[in-house]
C-alpha cells in the first residue's frame, strides 16, 4: 500500500497501523506535511516480514496505553521526518523484539 497525500491523521484508533505477513505500507505526507497517529494500543505494530515507512515533515506517533512503535519477528519500521518528530508510548516509545528493526531517524522518544 502506498499513500501520498498532504496530511494524514489516524485518530483515536485501537492500533494505528497493523502490518502483518509480508505487507509493505508506505505513508507519505507532502506539501503541508503532517502525519499523526494517535492510538490507544500500539501506534504502529509490525509482524512477520512486514514493513512500514512514514515520510513527512512533522511526524507524531502516540500510544496512550502501549508502545508508540512495536516491531516483532523480522519486520521493520522507518520513520523519515524533515521537521519535528515525536514518538510517545504509554509503555515504550519504540519496542524492537526478535530480529525486528525500528529506525526513528532523530525523533524525540517519550516514555514514562
N, C-alpha and C. Protein backbone atom coordinates (compact mmCIF):
# COMPACT_ATOMS: atom_id res chain seq x y z
N UNK A 1 0.85 -1.18 0.00
CA UNK A 1 0.00 0.00 0.00
C UNK A 1 0.89 1.23 0.00
N UNK A 2 0.70 2.12 -0.95
CA UNK A 2 1.40 3.40 -0.99
C UNK A 2 0.35 4.50 -0.98
N UNK A 3 0.46 5.42 -0.01
CA UNK A 3 -0.47 6.54 0.07
C UNK A 3 0.36 7.83 0.14
N UNK A 4 0.10 8.75 -0.80
CA UNK A 4 0.79 10.03 -0.82
C UNK A 4 -0.28 11.12 -0.82
N UNK A 5 -0.30 11.93 0.25
CA UNK A 5 -1.30 13.00 0.40
C UNK A 5 -0.64 14.20 1.07
N UNK A 6 -1.45 15.25 1.33
CA UNK A 6 -0.92 16.42 2.01
C UNK A 6 -0.81 16.20 3.51
N UNK A 7 -1.84 15.68 4.16
CA UNK A 7 -1.82 15.42 5.59
C UNK A 7 -2.49 14.08 5.86
N UNK A 8 -1.99 13.35 6.85
CA UNK A 8 -2.59 12.08 7.26
C UNK A 8 -2.80 12.14 8.75
N UNK A 9 -4.04 11.82 9.20
CA UNK A 9 -4.33 11.75 10.63
C UNK A 9 -5.12 10.48 10.90
N UNK A 10 -4.58 9.63 11.76
CA UNK A 10 -5.29 8.46 12.26
C UNK A 10 -5.52 8.74 13.75
N UNK A 11 -6.77 8.98 14.13
CA UNK A 11 -7.07 9.50 15.46
C UNK A 11 -7.98 8.54 16.23
N UNK A 12 -7.68 8.34 17.52
CA UNK A 12 -8.45 7.52 18.45
C UNK A 12 -8.63 6.11 17.88
N UNK A 13 -7.52 5.49 17.49
CA UNK A 13 -7.53 4.13 16.95
C UNK A 13 -7.23 3.13 18.07
N UNK A 14 -7.68 1.88 17.88
CA UNK A 14 -7.22 0.82 18.77
C UNK A 14 -5.73 0.62 18.52
N UNK A 15 -5.34 0.25 17.28
CA UNK A 15 -3.97 0.26 16.82
C UNK A 15 -3.94 1.12 15.57
N UNK A 16 -3.02 2.05 15.49
CA UNK A 16 -2.97 2.96 14.36
C UNK A 16 -2.72 2.23 13.05
N UNK A 17 -1.60 1.51 12.96
CA UNK A 17 -1.26 0.72 11.77
C UNK A 17 -0.83 -0.66 12.25
N UNK A 18 -1.44 -1.71 11.68
CA UNK A 18 -1.04 -3.09 11.95
C UNK A 18 -0.64 -3.71 10.62
N UNK A 19 0.63 -4.04 10.46
CA UNK A 19 1.13 -4.68 9.24
C UNK A 19 1.59 -6.08 9.59
N UNK A 20 1.07 -7.09 8.86
CA UNK A 20 1.39 -8.48 9.14
C UNK A 20 1.88 -9.19 7.88
N UNK A 21 2.46 -10.38 8.08
CA UNK A 21 2.91 -11.19 6.94
C UNK A 21 3.98 -10.46 6.16
N UNK A 22 3.76 -10.29 4.86
CA UNK A 22 4.74 -9.60 4.02
C UNK A 22 4.21 -8.24 3.56
N UNK A 23 3.30 -7.66 4.33
CA UNK A 23 2.72 -6.36 3.97
C UNK A 23 3.80 -5.28 3.92
N UNK A 24 3.61 -4.32 3.00
CA UNK A 24 4.51 -3.20 2.87
C UNK A 24 3.65 -1.94 2.81
N UNK A 25 3.69 -1.12 3.88
CA UNK A 25 2.86 0.07 3.99
C UNK A 25 3.75 1.30 3.95
N UNK A 26 3.48 2.21 2.99
CA UNK A 26 4.24 3.46 2.87
C UNK A 26 3.26 4.61 2.94
N UNK A 27 3.42 5.47 3.95
CA UNK A 27 2.59 6.67 4.08
C UNK A 27 3.50 7.88 3.92
N UNK A 28 3.14 8.75 2.97
CA UNK A 28 3.95 9.92 2.70
C UNK A 28 3.06 11.16 2.67
N UNK A 29 3.37 12.12 3.53
CA UNK A 29 2.63 13.39 3.59
C UNK A 29 3.47 14.47 2.93
N UNK A 30 2.93 15.10 1.89
CA UNK A 30 3.64 16.12 1.13
C UNK A 30 2.99 17.48 1.28
N UNK A 31 3.57 18.49 0.66
CA UNK A 31 3.04 19.86 0.65
C UNK A 31 3.07 20.45 2.06
N UNK A 32 1.93 20.51 2.76
CA UNK A 32 1.90 20.95 4.16
C UNK A 32 1.91 19.66 4.98
N UNK A 33 3.09 19.08 5.15
CA UNK A 33 3.18 17.69 5.55
C UNK A 33 3.10 17.44 7.06
N UNK A 34 2.01 16.82 7.48
CA UNK A 34 1.90 16.37 8.86
C UNK A 34 1.30 14.97 8.85
N UNK A 35 1.96 14.09 9.56
CA UNK A 35 1.48 12.72 9.67
C UNK A 35 1.30 12.44 11.16
N UNK A 36 0.06 12.17 11.59
CA UNK A 36 -0.25 11.99 13.01
C UNK A 36 -0.97 10.66 13.22
N UNK A 37 -0.48 9.87 14.17
CA UNK A 37 -1.14 8.63 14.58
C UNK A 37 -1.35 8.72 16.08
N UNK A 38 -2.60 8.58 16.52
CA UNK A 38 -2.96 8.65 17.94
C UNK A 38 -3.78 7.41 18.27
N UNK A 39 -3.20 6.48 19.03
CA UNK A 39 -3.84 5.19 19.28
C UNK A 39 -3.91 4.87 20.77
N UNK A 40 -4.90 4.05 21.13
CA UNK A 40 -4.98 3.52 22.49
C UNK A 40 -3.95 2.40 22.65
N UNK A 41 -3.90 1.46 21.68
CA UNK A 41 -2.91 0.38 21.67
C UNK A 41 -1.64 0.88 21.02
N UNK A 42 -0.96 0.00 20.29
CA UNK A 42 0.27 0.38 19.60
C UNK A 42 -0.02 1.39 18.49
N UNK A 43 0.79 2.42 18.40
CA UNK A 43 0.64 3.37 17.30
C UNK A 43 0.92 2.69 15.98
N UNK A 44 2.01 1.92 15.93
CA UNK A 44 2.38 1.10 14.77
C UNK A 44 2.81 -0.25 15.31
N UNK A 45 2.31 -1.33 14.69
CA UNK A 45 2.70 -2.69 15.09
C UNK A 45 2.99 -3.47 13.82
N UNK A 46 4.23 -3.94 13.68
CA UNK A 46 4.60 -4.76 12.53
C UNK A 46 4.94 -6.16 13.01
N UNK A 47 4.55 -7.15 12.18
CA UNK A 47 4.79 -8.57 12.49
C UNK A 47 5.28 -9.27 11.24
N UNK A 48 5.86 -10.47 11.43
CA UNK A 48 6.30 -11.26 10.29
C UNK A 48 7.41 -10.57 9.55
N UNK A 49 7.29 -10.49 8.22
CA UNK A 49 8.30 -9.87 7.37
C UNK A 49 7.78 -8.54 6.82
N UNK A 50 6.86 -7.91 7.53
CA UNK A 50 6.21 -6.69 7.05
C UNK A 50 7.10 -5.46 7.28
N UNK A 51 6.71 -4.37 6.61
CA UNK A 51 7.43 -3.12 6.81
C UNK A 51 6.47 -1.94 6.73
N UNK A 52 6.81 -0.90 7.49
CA UNK A 52 6.06 0.35 7.46
C UNK A 52 7.07 1.48 7.32
N UNK A 53 6.80 2.40 6.38
CA UNK A 53 7.63 3.59 6.20
C UNK A 53 6.75 4.82 6.30
N UNK A 54 7.13 5.74 7.18
CA UNK A 54 6.43 7.02 7.32
C UNK A 54 7.37 8.12 6.84
N UNK A 55 6.89 8.94 5.89
CA UNK A 55 7.68 10.05 5.38
C UNK A 55 6.82 11.31 5.48
N UNK A 56 7.37 12.35 6.12
CA UNK A 56 6.60 13.58 6.24
C UNK A 56 7.43 14.68 6.86
N UNK A 57 6.87 15.87 6.85
CA UNK A 57 7.53 17.00 7.51
C UNK A 57 7.52 16.77 9.00
N UNK A 58 6.35 16.88 9.60
CA UNK A 58 6.19 16.65 11.03
C UNK A 58 5.48 15.31 11.21
N UNK A 59 6.07 14.44 12.04
CA UNK A 59 5.50 13.12 12.28
C UNK A 59 5.31 12.94 13.78
N UNK A 60 4.09 12.56 14.17
CA UNK A 60 3.76 12.34 15.59
C UNK A 60 3.06 10.99 15.73
N UNK A 61 3.65 10.08 16.50
CA UNK A 61 3.06 8.77 16.77
C UNK A 61 2.89 8.67 18.28
N UNK A 62 1.64 8.44 18.72
CA UNK A 62 1.34 8.40 20.16
C UNK A 62 0.50 7.19 20.50
N UNK A 63 0.88 6.49 21.57
CA UNK A 63 0.07 5.41 22.12
C UNK A 63 -0.21 5.75 23.58
N UNK A 64 -1.48 5.74 23.95
CA UNK A 64 -1.85 6.06 25.33
C UNK A 64 -1.45 4.94 26.29
N UNK A 65 -1.66 3.68 25.88
CA UNK A 65 -1.50 2.57 26.82
C UNK A 65 -0.43 1.55 26.45
N UNK A 66 0.19 1.67 25.29
CA UNK A 66 1.12 0.62 24.85
C UNK A 66 2.37 1.25 24.26
N UNK A 67 2.86 0.69 23.14
CA UNK A 67 4.08 1.17 22.50
C UNK A 67 3.76 2.16 21.39
N UNK A 68 4.58 3.19 21.27
CA UNK A 68 4.45 4.06 20.11
C UNK A 68 4.64 3.23 18.86
N UNK A 69 5.74 2.47 18.80
CA UNK A 69 6.02 1.55 17.70
C UNK A 69 6.48 0.22 18.28
N UNK A 70 5.82 -0.88 17.87
CA UNK A 70 6.22 -2.24 18.24
C UNK A 70 6.53 -3.00 16.96
N UNK A 71 7.74 -3.53 16.86
CA UNK A 71 8.14 -4.34 15.71
C UNK A 71 8.59 -5.71 16.22
N UNK A 72 8.02 -6.78 15.64
CA UNK A 72 8.36 -8.14 16.06
C UNK A 72 8.78 -8.97 14.84
N UNK A 73 9.29 -10.16 15.11
CA UNK A 73 9.73 -11.10 14.08
C UNK A 73 10.84 -10.46 13.24
N UNK A 74 10.72 -10.45 11.91
CA UNK A 74 11.73 -9.85 11.02
C UNK A 74 11.23 -8.55 10.39
N UNK A 75 10.26 -7.92 11.00
CA UNK A 75 9.65 -6.71 10.44
C UNK A 75 10.52 -5.48 10.67
N UNK A 76 10.18 -4.39 9.97
CA UNK A 76 10.92 -3.15 10.19
C UNK A 76 10.02 -1.94 10.00
N UNK A 77 10.41 -0.86 10.69
CA UNK A 77 9.70 0.42 10.61
C UNK A 77 10.74 1.51 10.40
N UNK A 78 10.52 2.35 9.38
CA UNK A 78 11.37 3.50 9.11
C UNK A 78 10.54 4.76 9.25
N UNK A 79 11.03 5.71 10.05
CA UNK A 79 10.37 7.00 10.22
C UNK A 79 11.32 8.05 9.66
N UNK A 80 10.84 8.80 8.65
CA UNK A 80 11.71 9.74 7.95
C UNK A 80 11.07 11.14 7.98
N UNK A 81 11.35 11.91 9.05
CA UNK A 81 10.80 13.27 9.13
C UNK A 81 11.75 14.28 8.51
N UNK A 82 11.17 15.38 8.01
CA UNK A 82 12.01 16.51 7.60
C UNK A 82 11.81 17.68 8.56
N UNK A 83 10.88 17.53 9.52
CA UNK A 83 10.61 18.55 10.53
C UNK A 83 10.62 17.92 11.90
N UNK A 84 9.65 18.32 12.73
CA UNK A 84 9.54 17.79 14.08
C UNK A 84 9.05 16.35 14.05
N UNK A 85 9.52 15.56 15.01
CA UNK A 85 9.07 14.17 15.11
C UNK A 85 9.09 13.74 16.56
N UNK A 86 7.95 13.21 17.02
CA UNK A 86 7.86 12.70 18.38
C UNK A 86 7.16 11.35 18.35
N UNK A 87 7.76 10.37 19.02
CA UNK A 87 7.15 9.05 19.19
C UNK A 87 6.98 8.86 20.69
N UNK A 88 5.72 8.65 21.11
CA UNK A 88 5.40 8.58 22.53
C UNK A 88 4.63 7.30 22.82
N UNK A 89 5.03 6.60 23.87
CA UNK A 89 4.33 5.38 24.25
C UNK A 89 3.99 5.36 25.72
N UNK A 90 2.82 4.83 26.04
CA UNK A 90 2.44 4.65 27.44
C UNK A 90 3.31 3.60 28.11
N UNK A 91 3.82 2.65 27.30
CA UNK A 91 4.74 1.62 27.80
C UNK A 91 6.16 1.98 27.34
N UNK A 92 6.42 1.87 26.04
CA UNK A 92 7.71 2.26 25.47
C UNK A 92 7.46 3.09 24.21
N UNK A 93 8.38 3.98 23.91
CA UNK A 93 8.28 4.73 22.66
C UNK A 93 8.50 3.80 21.48
N UNK A 94 9.62 3.05 21.50
CA UNK A 94 9.89 2.04 20.48
C UNK A 94 10.27 0.73 21.16
N UNK A 95 9.76 -0.38 20.60
CA UNK A 95 9.99 -1.69 21.18
C UNK A 95 10.33 -2.66 20.06
N UNK A 96 11.61 -3.03 19.96
CA UNK A 96 12.07 -4.00 18.97
C UNK A 96 12.17 -5.36 19.63
N UNK A 97 11.56 -6.37 19.00
CA UNK A 97 11.64 -7.73 19.51
C UNK A 97 12.12 -8.65 18.40
N UNK A 98 12.72 -9.77 18.78
CA UNK A 98 13.24 -10.76 17.84
C UNK A 98 14.29 -10.08 16.95
N UNK A 99 14.19 -10.24 15.63
CA UNK A 99 15.16 -9.64 14.70
C UNK A 99 14.62 -8.35 14.07
N UNK A 100 13.56 -7.81 14.63
CA UNK A 100 12.91 -6.61 14.08
C UNK A 100 13.80 -5.38 14.25
N UNK A 101 13.57 -4.38 13.37
CA UNK A 101 14.34 -3.14 13.43
C UNK A 101 13.42 -1.93 13.31
N UNK A 102 13.69 -0.91 14.12
CA UNK A 102 12.98 0.37 14.06
C UNK A 102 14.03 1.46 13.90
N UNK A 103 13.85 2.31 12.89
CA UNK A 103 14.74 3.46 12.69
C UNK A 103 13.93 4.73 12.89
N UNK A 104 14.02 5.34 14.10
CA UNK A 104 13.25 6.56 14.38
C UNK A 104 13.90 7.83 13.85
N UNK A 105 15.06 7.75 13.21
CA UNK A 105 15.71 8.85 12.48
C UNK A 105 15.64 10.20 13.18
N UNK A 106 16.15 10.28 14.40
CA UNK A 106 16.24 11.56 15.09
C UNK A 106 14.99 12.03 15.77
N UNK A 107 13.95 11.20 15.82
CA UNK A 107 12.71 11.58 16.52
C UNK A 107 12.95 11.65 18.02
N UNK A 108 12.20 12.50 18.69
CA UNK A 108 12.22 12.55 20.15
C UNK A 108 11.39 11.37 20.65
N UNK A 109 11.99 10.54 21.51
CA UNK A 109 11.30 9.37 22.05
C UNK A 109 10.84 9.69 23.47
N UNK A 110 9.54 9.55 23.73
CA UNK A 110 8.96 9.90 25.02
C UNK A 110 8.29 8.67 25.60
N UNK A 111 8.69 8.30 26.82
CA UNK A 111 8.07 7.17 27.51
C UNK A 111 8.07 7.45 29.00
N UNK A 112 7.19 6.75 29.71
CA UNK A 112 7.11 7.01 31.16
C UNK A 112 8.39 6.68 31.89
